[in-house]
N, C-alpha and C. Protein backbone atom coordinates (compact mmCIF):
# COMPACT_ATOMS: atom_id res chain seq x y z
N MET A 1 13.11 62.11 37.62
CA MET A 1 13.73 61.22 36.76
C MET A 1 15.18 61.79 36.19
N LEU A 2 15.28 63.24 36.44
CA LEU A 2 16.48 63.50 35.73
C LEU A 2 17.52 63.33 37.10
N LYS A 3 17.52 63.30 37.96
CA LYS A 3 18.08 62.74 39.33
C LYS A 3 18.74 61.34 39.31
N ILE A 4 17.97 60.73 38.44
CA ILE A 4 18.04 59.23 38.45
C ILE A 4 19.40 58.85 37.11
N ASN A 5 18.71 60.05 36.23
CA ASN A 5 19.76 59.90 35.04
C ASN A 5 21.40 60.42 35.38
N ILE A 6 20.92 61.65 36.28
CA ILE A 6 22.80 61.87 36.56
C ILE A 6 23.28 60.96 37.45
N PHE A 7 22.59 60.54 38.29
CA PHE A 7 22.94 59.43 39.31
C PHE A 7 23.79 58.39 38.79
N LEU A 8 22.80 57.94 37.64
CA LEU A 8 23.39 56.58 36.48
C LEU A 8 24.30 57.17 35.66
N SER A 9 24.41 58.34 35.38
CA SER A 9 25.67 59.02 34.37
C SER A 9 27.24 58.77 35.44
N THR A 10 26.62 59.67 36.47
CA THR A 10 28.07 59.17 37.23
C THR A 10 28.45 58.19 38.00
N LEU A 11 27.71 56.93 38.09
CA LEU A 11 27.94 55.89 38.45
C LEU A 11 28.54 55.20 37.18
N VAL A 12 28.21 55.71 36.70
CA VAL A 12 28.84 54.94 34.95
C VAL A 12 30.50 55.35 34.68
N LYS A 13 30.18 56.70 34.93
CA LYS A 13 31.49 57.50 34.74
C LYS A 13 32.58 56.77 36.11
N ASN A 14 32.10 56.64 37.32
CA ASN A 14 32.64 56.22 38.27
C ASN A 14 33.44 54.88 37.67
N HIS A 15 32.34 54.11 37.66
CA HIS A 15 32.57 52.88 37.25
C HIS A 15 33.84 52.86 36.60
N LYS A 16 33.76 53.44 35.11
CA LYS A 16 34.89 53.31 34.12
C LYS A 16 36.15 53.79 34.37
N TYR A 17 36.18 55.02 35.50
CA TYR A 17 37.26 55.54 36.53
C TYR A 17 38.05 54.27 37.10
N LEU A 18 36.93 53.43 37.71
CA LEU A 18 37.28 52.78 38.72
C LEU A 18 38.07 51.26 37.51
N GLN A 19 37.30 51.17 36.82
CA GLN A 19 38.09 50.28 35.83
C GLN A 19 39.35 50.55 35.18
N ASN A 20 39.49 51.95 34.87
CA ASN A 20 40.73 52.21 34.40
C ASN A 20 41.68 52.31 35.68
N GLU A 21 41.19 52.55 36.69
CA GLU A 21 42.42 52.53 37.60
C GLU A 21 42.88 51.07 38.03
N ALA A 22 41.74 49.96 38.07
CA ALA A 22 42.26 48.74 38.22
C ALA A 22 43.22 48.13 37.23
N VAL A 23 42.66 48.63 35.83
CA VAL A 23 43.69 48.31 34.74
C VAL A 23 44.96 49.02 34.76
N CYS A 24 45.02 50.15 35.19
CA CYS A 24 46.64 50.43 35.52
C CYS A 24 47.05 50.11 36.66
N LEU A 25 46.38 49.69 37.44
CA LEU A 25 47.10 48.93 38.95
C LEU A 25 47.26 47.50 38.35
N LYS A 26 46.80 46.89 37.76
CA LYS A 26 47.01 45.55 37.29
C LYS A 26 48.45 45.72 36.43
N SER A 27 48.17 46.78 35.56
CA SER A 27 49.33 46.79 34.76
C SER A 27 50.91 47.27 35.34
N LYS A 28 50.87 47.94 36.24
CA LYS A 28 51.86 48.15 36.92
C LYS A 28 52.26 46.83 37.87
N VAL A 29 51.35 46.36 38.16
CA VAL A 29 51.66 45.07 39.35
C VAL A 29 52.70 44.04 38.12
N ILE A 30 51.89 43.74 37.13
CA ILE A 30 52.40 42.99 35.63
C ILE A 30 53.69 43.39 35.78
N LEU A 31 54.01 44.44 35.43
CA LEU A 31 55.25 45.60 34.90
C LEU A 31 56.45 45.07 36.31
N GLU A 32 55.93 45.58 37.69
CA GLU A 32 57.20 45.08 38.82
C GLU A 32 57.39 43.76 38.53
N ARG A 33 56.22 43.14 38.57
CA ARG A 33 56.58 41.58 38.25
C ARG A 33 57.73 41.25 37.29
N MET A 34 57.32 41.66 35.90
CA MET A 34 58.15 41.38 35.02
C MET A 34 59.59 41.77 34.88
N ARG A 35 59.75 43.30 36.03
CA ARG A 35 61.02 43.50 35.99
C ARG A 35 62.29 42.91 36.97
N GLN A 36 61.26 42.43 37.64
CA GLN A 36 61.97 41.66 39.09
C GLN A 36 62.21 40.20 37.95
N PHE A 37 61.37 39.96 37.52
CA PHE A 37 61.61 38.52 36.76
C PHE A 37 62.99 38.55 35.80
N THR A 38 62.69 39.72 35.30
CA THR A 38 64.12 40.16 34.53
C THR A 38 65.69 40.20 35.22
N LEU A 39 65.54 41.15 35.98
CA LEU A 39 66.35 41.09 37.21
C LEU A 39 66.90 39.73 37.67
N LEU A 40 66.15 39.01 38.24
CA LEU A 40 66.45 37.60 38.18
C LEU A 40 66.97 36.70 37.11
N ARG A 41 66.45 36.74 35.95
CA ARG A 41 66.77 36.45 34.80
C ARG A 41 68.15 36.77 34.58
N ASN A 42 68.78 38.24 34.72
CA ASN A 42 69.78 38.90 34.56
C ASN A 42 71.05 38.22 35.47
N HIS A 43 70.32 38.65 36.69
CA HIS A 43 71.26 37.59 37.86
C HIS A 43 71.89 36.30 37.41
N ILE A 44 70.54 35.77 36.84
CA ILE A 44 70.83 34.14 37.03
C ILE A 44 72.15 34.04 35.47
N ASN A 45 71.71 34.74 34.43
CA ASN A 45 72.40 34.43 33.33
C ASN A 45 74.17 35.31 33.40
N MET A 46 74.03 35.97 34.45
CA MET A 46 75.45 36.58 35.02
C MET A 46 76.18 35.62 35.81
N LEU A 47 75.79 34.77 36.71
CA LEU A 47 75.85 33.62 37.55
C LEU A 47 76.56 32.66 36.13
N TYR A 48 75.81 32.16 35.04
CA TYR A 48 76.14 31.09 34.35
C TYR A 48 77.66 31.74 33.33
N VAL A 49 77.48 33.23 33.11
CA VAL A 49 78.26 33.67 32.40
C VAL A 49 79.89 33.52 33.09
N ILE A 50 79.88 33.71 34.37
CA ILE A 50 80.66 34.07 35.38
C ILE A 50 81.62 32.47 35.58
N ASN A 51 80.45 31.75 35.57
CA ASN A 51 80.62 30.26 35.91
C ASN A 51 81.38 29.71 34.45
N TYR A 52 81.04 30.29 33.38
CA TYR A 52 81.63 29.53 32.17
C TYR A 52 82.84 30.28 31.99
N LEU A 53 83.18 31.83 32.42
CA LEU A 53 84.69 32.23 32.23
C LEU A 53 85.32 31.42 33.27
N HIS A 54 84.90 31.21 34.15
CA HIS A 54 85.53 30.76 35.24
C HIS A 54 86.26 29.46 34.86
N THR A 55 85.60 28.43 34.54
CA THR A 55 86.02 27.18 33.78
C THR A 55 86.59 27.29 32.78
N ARG A 56 86.33 28.46 31.97
CA ARG A 56 87.42 28.72 30.55
C ARG A 56 88.75 29.08 31.11
N MET A 57 88.82 29.77 31.79
CA MET A 57 89.88 30.32 32.40
C MET A 57 90.74 29.46 33.34
N ASN A 58 90.34 28.70 34.25
CA ASN A 58 90.83 27.42 34.88
C ASN A 58 91.65 26.78 33.90
N ILE A 59 90.89 26.27 32.66
CA ILE A 59 91.34 25.21 31.75
C ILE A 59 92.33 25.98 31.09
N ALA A 60 92.57 27.41 30.87
CA ALA A 60 93.45 27.88 30.49
C ALA A 60 94.62 28.03 31.14
N LYS A 61 94.40 27.95 32.49
CA LYS A 61 95.17 28.20 33.17
C LYS A 61 96.14 26.96 33.58
N GLU A 62 95.63 25.96 33.34
CA GLU A 62 95.58 24.69 33.77
C GLU A 62 97.08 24.30 32.24
N PHE A 63 96.42 24.76 31.60
CA PHE A 63 96.91 24.34 29.88
C PHE A 63 98.69 25.31 30.13
N VAL A 64 98.20 26.56 30.30
CA VAL A 64 99.36 27.36 30.27
C VAL A 64 100.45 26.97 31.58
N LYS A 65 100.07 26.64 32.80
CA LYS A 65 100.85 25.84 33.57
C LYS A 65 101.75 24.89 32.98
N LYS A 66 100.92 24.09 32.56
CA LYS A 66 101.62 22.82 31.61
C LYS A 66 102.76 22.73 30.83
N THR A 67 102.24 23.82 29.63
CA THR A 67 103.18 24.41 28.74
C THR A 67 104.30 25.35 28.97
N LEU A 68 103.79 26.24 29.99
CA LEU A 68 105.06 27.44 30.38
C LEU A 68 104.74 27.47 31.94
N PRO A 69 105.64 26.13 32.57
CA PRO A 69 105.28 26.39 33.95
C PRO A 69 106.18 27.55 35.10
N PHE A 70 106.79 28.09 34.40
CA PHE A 70 107.75 28.94 34.70
C PHE A 70 106.95 30.38 34.54
N GLN A 71 106.34 30.47 33.47
CA GLN A 71 105.36 31.62 33.18
C GLN A 71 104.27 32.00 33.73
N GLU A 72 103.79 32.20 35.42
CA GLU A 72 102.79 32.51 35.92
C GLU A 72 101.97 33.88 35.69
N ASP A 73 103.37 34.86 35.39
CA ASP A 73 102.69 36.23 35.10
C ASP A 73 101.83 36.13 33.77
N LEU A 74 102.77 35.20 32.62
CA LEU A 74 102.10 35.19 31.21
C LEU A 74 101.06 34.68 31.41
N SER A 75 100.67 33.33 32.48
CA SER A 75 99.36 33.17 32.35
C SER A 75 98.12 34.05 32.84
N ASN A 76 98.42 34.92 33.90
CA ASN A 76 97.30 35.94 34.23
C ASN A 76 97.04 36.49 33.14
N LEU A 77 98.40 37.02 32.49
CA LEU A 77 98.01 38.34 31.01
C LEU A 77 97.20 37.75 30.29
N ILE A 78 97.26 36.27 30.12
CA ILE A 78 96.60 35.34 29.04
C ILE A 78 94.97 35.48 29.35
N PHE A 79 94.78 35.37 30.48
CA PHE A 79 93.46 35.48 31.38
C PHE A 79 92.74 36.86 30.76
N LYS A 80 93.59 37.64 31.14
CA LYS A 80 93.02 39.14 31.26
C LYS A 80 92.72 39.13 29.62
N CYS A 81 93.65 38.89 28.62
CA CYS A 81 93.45 39.24 27.14
C CYS A 81 92.23 38.45 27.00
N PHE A 82 92.05 37.17 27.29
CA PHE A 82 90.77 36.63 27.03
C PHE A 82 89.31 37.40 27.41
N CYS A 83 89.39 37.84 28.69
CA CYS A 83 88.59 38.56 29.16
C CYS A 83 88.41 39.85 28.52
N TYR A 84 89.17 40.59 28.24
CA TYR A 84 88.91 41.65 27.33
C TYR A 84 88.10 41.48 26.12
N SER A 85 88.84 40.32 25.36
CA SER A 85 88.04 40.00 24.21
C SER A 85 86.98 39.68 24.14
N LYS A 86 86.21 39.18 25.09
CA LYS A 86 84.85 38.74 25.73
C LYS A 86 84.09 39.91 26.30
N HIS A 87 84.64 41.13 25.94
CA HIS A 87 83.98 42.23 27.22
C HIS A 87 83.25 42.00 28.19
N CYS A 88 84.09 41.03 28.71
CA CYS A 88 83.63 40.78 30.29
C CYS A 88 84.81 41.28 31.46
N THR A 89 85.10 42.78 31.20
CA THR A 89 85.86 42.94 32.40
C THR A 89 85.44 43.28 33.57
N ASP A 90 84.22 43.73 33.92
CA ASP A 90 84.00 43.55 35.11
C ASP A 90 84.18 42.24 35.91
N ILE A 91 83.35 41.21 34.93
CA ILE A 91 83.41 40.18 35.81
C ILE A 91 84.52 39.60 36.07
N CYS A 92 86.01 40.06 35.20
CA CYS A 92 86.97 39.32 35.20
C CYS A 92 87.87 40.01 36.11
N SER A 93 87.27 41.64 36.50
CA SER A 93 88.15 42.30 37.34
C SER A 93 87.56 41.72 38.90
N ALA A 94 86.65 41.10 38.85
CA ALA A 94 85.81 40.56 39.99
C ALA A 94 86.28 39.02 40.27
N LEU A 95 86.73 38.45 39.47
CA LEU A 95 87.45 37.19 39.45
C LEU A 95 88.55 36.89 39.71
N PHE A 96 89.64 38.03 39.28
CA PHE A 96 90.90 38.42 39.39
C PHE A 96 91.01 38.65 40.66
N GLN A 97 90.24 39.60 41.54
CA GLN A 97 90.45 39.70 42.87
C GLN A 97 90.33 38.81 43.83
């Protein structure tokens, strides 16, 4: 009877351990998926930001060219100021290259 009780208690402990392991593994999988989704979402958001800035800069560039046709350097300076004011220097530097 004692052997059976020991066997059962060991089985229960192992079952709990395995359950915990399964929960941990499941949590890790969920966290990894969330991380990947966040990276993807951030990437998509970044594309939206780049697209938005690119559109805004093209509009600004056309406006500056029409109003100041001989001031190409000034128009580039205006774009850079727009970028710095929006805290998107990395995106803008990529766009200006």
